[in-house]
Amino acid sequence: MKLPCLKKMALIGTFLLFCWMPAMAGQDTLVQVSTIDALLGGLYDGTMAIGELRTYGDFGIGTFHRLNGEMVMVDGVVYRVRGDGGVEIVADTDTTPFAAVTFFETEMRREIPAGTDFLAFQQWLDTLLPNPNLFYAVRLQGRFRVMKTRSVPAQSKPYPALTEVARHQPEFAFEDVEGVVVGYRSPAFVKGIGVTGYHLHFLTSDCLTGGHILAFIVQQATVDIDQTSEFLLRLPESTAFSGIDLSQDRSVDLQQVEQKH
């Protein structure tokens, strides 16, 4: 079911997606731009246009050039949750330094028990997923007693490390809020490439606010799951990417940024 604010965008999104179809990847492929360790290392310059990104999926998360906000792609429309918590639709000419998208098709749907918090949700869903070594696109729709998110404003060069940015990130707290949660559960073997475990973003049903999820408590919601067994990594060919040291273990930095406990 589309969010109310998405219905009016459906025809526009479908038309634009059709225009870009020749470059489309497989329907059951998770396509990722760059690596999470490159982002942790400060590579915030966009390397793929949003228009091209949309050829690879209609559902996903990421960020934008200069780390300018949190990306929520849902039903083919790309939204930016800005550092002030507001939301805007992103033009195809904007770019991303890191994103993950797929064409979402529901393969499993479950009601989430009322009162489930973010950690309990992850543990509960892990018991339902058949193969921990595959990727799963995850979409929650419903109402939340509590939702806590964050976003980040655009950064200026010389770019600070993502851990430093996270120390000053604006956070937003909502109560009794309706919306959609978009993201992935990724297997442990993508450490350094992607965010292992759960990485989820939120968009309110009126498409006015949202962000990267830090915590929530479910009031009434369903979760749709799309299992994905193909993974396509699009690496930047920039001078900055060729010069960054990706041999470091940045898992502690990622834990700080994602606030995983």
Protein backbone atom coordinates (compact mmCIF):
# COMPACT_ATOMS: atom_id res chain seq x y z
CA MET A 1 0.00 0.00 0.00
CA LYS A 2 1.40 3.39 -1.01
CA LEU A 3 1.70 6.22 1.49
CA PRO A 4 -0.85 9.02 0.87
CA CYS A 5 1.85 11.43 -0.30
CA LEU A 6 3.26 8.79 -2.67
CA LYS A 7 0.08 8.22 -4.65
CA LYS A 8 0.34 11.53 -6.45
CA MET A 9 3.97 10.73 -7.35
CA ALA A 10 3.32 7.24 -8.74
CA LEU A 11 2.79 8.24 -12.38
CA ILE A 12 5.80 10.59 -12.37
CA GLY A 13 8.03 7.95 -10.79
CA THR A 14 6.85 5.26 -13.20
CA PHE A 15 7.47 7.47 -16.24
CA LEU A 16 10.96 8.49 -15.13
CA LEU A 17 11.88 4.91 -14.29
CA PHE A 18 10.70 3.77 -17.71
CA CYS A 19 12.87 6.41 -19.37
CA TRP A 20 15.94 4.96 -17.66
CA MET A 21 15.07 1.28 -18.10
CA PRO A 22 17.83 0.30 -20.60
CA ALA A 23 20.49 0.29 -17.84
CA MET A 24 18.39 -1.70 -15.36
CA ALA A 25 19.95 -4.56 -13.40
CA GLY A 26 18.18 -7.81 -12.63
CA GLN A 27 14.88 -7.55 -10.80
CA ASP A 28 16.18 -9.65 -7.90
CA THR A 29 19.47 -7.82 -7.38
CA LEU A 30 20.63 -5.59 -4.55
CA VAL A 31 22.73 -2.86 -6.15
CA GLN A 32 25.09 -0.88 -3.94
CA VAL A 33 27.08 2.24 -4.77
CA SER A 34 30.57 2.28 -3.17
CA THR A 35 31.33 0.75 0.24
CA ILE A 36 30.47 1.70 3.79
CA ASP A 37 34.17 1.83 4.70
CA ALA A 38 34.77 4.39 1.95
CA LEU A 39 31.98 6.50 3.44
CA LEU A 40 33.42 6.06 6.93
CA GLY A 41 36.72 7.24 5.49
CA GLY A 42 35.21 10.54 4.35
CA LEU A 43 34.41 9.93 0.67
CA TYR A 44 31.25 12.04 0.55
CA ASP A 45 31.43 13.29 -3.05
CA GLY A 46 28.62 11.86 -5.15
CA THR A 47 29.68 9.38 -7.83
CA MET A 48 26.35 8.22 -9.28
CA ALA A 49 23.42 10.35 -10.42
CA ILE A 50 20.09 9.63 -8.77
CA GLY A 51 18.62 9.13 -12.24
CA GLU A 52 21.04 6.28 -12.86
CA LEU A 53 20.48 4.88 -9.38
CA ARG A 54 16.77 4.62 -10.12
CA THR A 55 17.50 2.29 -13.03
CA TYR A 56 18.62 -0.27 -10.45
CA GLY A 57 15.65 -0.19 -8.10
CA ASP A 58 12.52 1.43 -6.71
CA PHE A 59 13.33 0.85 -3.04
CA GLY A 60 16.38 1.69 -0.98
CA ILE A 61 18.44 3.85 1.34
CA GLY A 62 21.66 5.84 1.26
CA THR A 63 22.90 9.41 1.38
CA PHE A 64 23.71 12.26 -1.00
CA HIS A 65 26.61 14.38 -2.26
CA ARG A 66 28.47 15.98 0.65
CA LEU A 67 26.54 13.68 3.03
CA ASN A 68 23.55 15.97 2.58
CA GLY A 69 20.78 14.09 4.39
CA GLU A 70 19.38 10.57 4.56
CA MET A 71 17.96 8.84 1.49
CA VAL A 72 14.61 7.05 1.52
CA MET A 73 13.60 5.56 -1.82
CA VAL A 74 10.09 4.12 -1.72
CA ASP A 75 7.81 3.19 -4.62
CA GLY A 76 10.32 4.68 -7.04
CA VAL A 77 10.44 8.14 -5.46
CA VAL A 78 13.70 9.36 -3.87
CA TYR A 79 13.36 11.50 -0.74
CA ARG A 80 15.99 13.43 1.18
CA VAL A 81 15.51 13.78 4.93
CA ARG A 82 17.52 16.95 5.52
CA GLY A 83 19.64 17.79 8.53
CA ASP A 84 16.77 19.92 9.87
CA GLY A 85 14.42 16.93 9.68
CA GLY A 86 12.43 18.22 6.71
CA VAL A 87 11.89 16.19 3.55
CA GLU A 88 12.21 16.97 -0.14
CA ILE A 89 11.98 14.97 -3.35
CA VAL A 90 15.39 14.63 -4.95
CA ALA A 91 16.09 15.48 -8.58
CA ASP A 92 17.66 12.90 -10.87
CA THR A 93 20.60 15.24 -11.37
CA ASP A 94 21.64 15.02 -7.72
CA THR A 95 24.26 12.42 -6.86
CA THR A 96 25.03 9.83 -4.19
CA PRO A 97 28.32 8.58 -2.72
CA PHE A 98 26.66 5.56 -1.07
CA ALA A 99 23.31 3.87 -1.59
CA ALA A 100 21.68 0.45 -1.82
CA VAL A 101 18.59 -0.20 -3.95
CA THR A 102 16.50 -3.04 -5.35
CA PHE A 103 13.17 -3.64 -7.04
CA PHE A 104 10.98 -4.60 -4.11
CA GLU A 105 8.58 -7.55 -4.39
CA THR A 106 6.92 -8.89 -1.24
CA GLU A 107 7.75 -12.54 -0.60
CA MET A 108 6.74 -12.66 3.06
CA ARG A 109 4.41 -10.52 5.18
CA ARG A 110 3.94 -10.69 8.94
CA GLU A 111 2.20 -8.67 11.62
CA ILE A 112 4.70 -7.30 14.12
CA PRO A 113 3.70 -7.86 17.77
CA ALA A 114 2.57 -4.64 19.44
CA GLY A 115 5.15 -3.21 21.80
CA THR A 116 8.12 -4.61 19.86
CA ASP A 117 11.13 -2.32 20.07
CA PHE A 118 13.91 -1.99 17.50
CA LEU A 119 16.24 -4.57 19.05
CA ALA A 120 13.42 -7.05 19.70
CA PHE A 121 12.22 -6.58 16.12
CA GLN A 122 15.63 -7.56 14.77
CA GLN A 123 15.77 -10.64 16.98
CA TRP A 124 12.19 -11.60 16.08
CA LEU A 125 12.66 -11.19 12.35
CA ASP A 126 15.92 -13.15 12.40
CA THR A 127 13.93 -16.18 13.60
CA LEU A 128 11.65 -15.91 10.54
CA LEU A 129 14.24 -15.42 7.81
CA PRO A 130 15.23 -18.72 6.19
CA ASN A 131 18.87 -17.97 5.30
CA PRO A 132 21.07 -15.60 7.33
CA ASN A 133 23.62 -15.49 4.50
CA LEU A 134 21.35 -13.78 1.99
CA PHE A 135 20.21 -10.17 1.69
CA TYR A 136 16.69 -9.13 2.70
CA ALA A 137 14.94 -5.92 1.75
CA VAL A 138 12.71 -4.93 4.67
CA ARG A 139 9.67 -2.65 4.59
CA LEU A 140 7.57 -1.85 7.66
CA GLN A 141 4.28 -0.02 7.34
CA GLY A 142 2.16 1.16 10.23
CA ARG A 143 2.05 3.21 13.40
CA PHE A 144 4.77 3.54 16.02
CA ARG A 145 4.39 4.54 19.66
CA VAL A 146 7.92 5.91 19.55
CA MET A 147 10.28 6.61 16.66
CA LYS A 148 13.75 8.10 17.09
CA THR A 149 15.78 9.11 14.04
CA ARG A 150 18.70 11.25 12.96
CA SER A 151 20.00 12.96 9.86
CA VAL A 152 23.05 14.99 8.92
CA PRO A 153 23.55 18.33 7.16
CA ALA A 154 25.81 18.75 4.13
CA GLN A 155 29.52 18.72 4.96
CA SER A 156 32.26 21.00 3.65
CA LYS A 157 35.81 20.11 2.61
CA PRO A 158 38.08 19.05 4.10
CA TYR A 159 35.46 16.49 5.09
CA PRO A 160 35.48 15.28 8.71
CA ALA A 161 35.34 11.55 9.40
CA LEU A 162 31.85 10.10 9.67
CA THR A 163 32.40 9.32 13.34
CA GLU A 164 32.99 13.03 13.96
CA VAL A 165 29.89 13.97 11.95
CA ALA A 166 27.83 11.50 14.00
CA ARG A 167 28.84 13.17 17.26
CA HIS A 168 26.99 16.30 16.20
CA GLN A 169 24.11 14.76 14.25
CA PRO A 170 20.63 16.23 14.78
CA GLU A 171 18.23 13.70 16.32
CA PHE A 172 14.44 13.67 16.12
CA ALA A 173 11.90 11.99 18.40
CA PHE A 174 8.26 11.22 17.50
CA GLU A 175 5.34 9.72 19.37
CA ASP A 176 2.28 8.01 17.90
CA VAL A 177 3.54 8.46 14.35
CA GLU A 178 2.54 6.67 11.17
CA GLY A 179 4.89 5.92 8.32
CA VAL A 180 7.09 3.50 6.40
CA VAL A 181 10.43 1.95 7.31
CA VAL A 182 12.77 1.10 4.44
CA GLY A 183 16.04 -0.80 4.55
CA TYR A 184 17.95 -4.06 4.59
CA ARG A 185 19.23 -6.92 6.61
CA SER A 186 22.67 -7.81 5.25
CA PRO A 187 24.80 -10.89 6.03
CA ALA A 188 27.93 -10.79 8.17
CA PHE A 189 30.30 -11.46 5.28
CA VAL A 190 29.77 -7.98 3.79
CA LYS A 191 31.64 -6.39 6.70
CA GLY A 192 33.50 -3.38 5.35
CA ILE A 193 31.43 -3.39 2.16
CA GLY A 194 27.95 -2.81 3.55
CA VAL A 195 26.22 -2.36 6.89
CA THR A 196 25.90 -5.83 8.39
CA GLY A 197 22.65 -6.66 10.14
CA TYR A 198 19.82 -4.13 9.96
CA HIS A 199 20.10 -0.67 8.39
CA LEU A 200 16.74 1.11 8.27
CA HIS A 201 15.41 4.58 7.42
CA PHE A 202 12.00 6.10 8.22
CA LEU A 203 9.57 8.35 6.34
CA THR A 204 6.33 9.61 7.88
CA SER A 205 3.08 8.92 6.02
CA ASP A 206 2.75 12.61 5.13
CA CYS A 207 6.35 12.58 3.79
CA LEU A 208 7.28 15.57 5.94
CA THR A 209 10.01 14.08 8.15
CA GLY A 210 11.95 10.91 8.95
CA GLY A 211 15.60 9.85 9.04
CA HIS A 212 18.01 7.06 9.91
CA ILE A 213 16.40 4.91 12.61
CA LEU A 214 17.98 4.82 16.06
CA ALA A 215 15.04 3.33 17.99
CA PHE A 216 11.33 2.57 17.75
CA ILE A 217 8.43 0.85 19.49
CA VAL A 218 5.69 -0.64 17.33
CA GLN A 219 2.07 0.21 17.97
CA GLN A 220 0.57 -1.60 14.97
CA ALA A 221 2.60 -2.50 11.88
CA THR A 222 3.31 -5.13 9.26
CA VAL A 223 6.66 -6.09 7.78
CA ASP A 224 7.15 -7.12 4.16
CA ILE A 225 10.28 -9.04 3.19
CA ASP A 226 11.98 -9.48 -0.19
CA GLN A 227 14.78 -12.07 -0.23
CA THR A 228 17.63 -11.13 -2.55
CA SER A 229 20.37 -13.55 -3.61
CA GLU A 230 22.21 -11.34 -6.12
CA PHE A 231 24.51 -8.48 -5.16
CA LEU A 232 25.99 -5.92 -7.56
CA LEU A 233 28.63 -3.51 -6.23
CA ARG A 234 29.27 -0.34 -8.25
CA LEU A 235 32.64 1.04 -7.20
CA PRO A 236 33.73 4.64 -7.88
CA GLU A 237 36.52 5.23 -10.38
CA SER A 238 37.51 8.52 -8.78
CA THR A 239 40.99 9.56 -7.70
CA ALA A 240 39.73 9.86 -4.13
CA PHE A 241 38.57 6.25 -4.11
CA SER A 242 41.85 5.02 -5.55
CA GLY A 243 43.74 6.84 -2.80
CA ILE A 244 41.81 5.77 0.29
CA ASP A 245 43.18 3.01 2.54
CA LEU A 246 40.46 0.37 2.74
CA SER A 247 42.63 -2.18 4.56
CA GLN A 248 41.68 -0.77 7.96
CA ASP A 249 39.07 -2.46 10.16
CA ARG A 250 36.45 0.26 10.62
CA SER A 251 33.86 -1.89 12.42
CA VAL A 252 34.18 0.09 15.67
CA ASP A 253 33.65 3.33 13.75
CA LEU A 254 30.58 1.85 12.08
CA GLN A 255 29.16 0.79 15.42
CA GLN A 256 29.53 4.34 16.71
CA VAL A 257 27.92 5.83 13.62
CA GLU A 258 25.03 3.37 13.49
CA GLN A 259 24.67 3.38 17.28
CA LYS A 260 24.43 -0.40 17.39
CA HIS A 261 24.68 -1.95 20.82
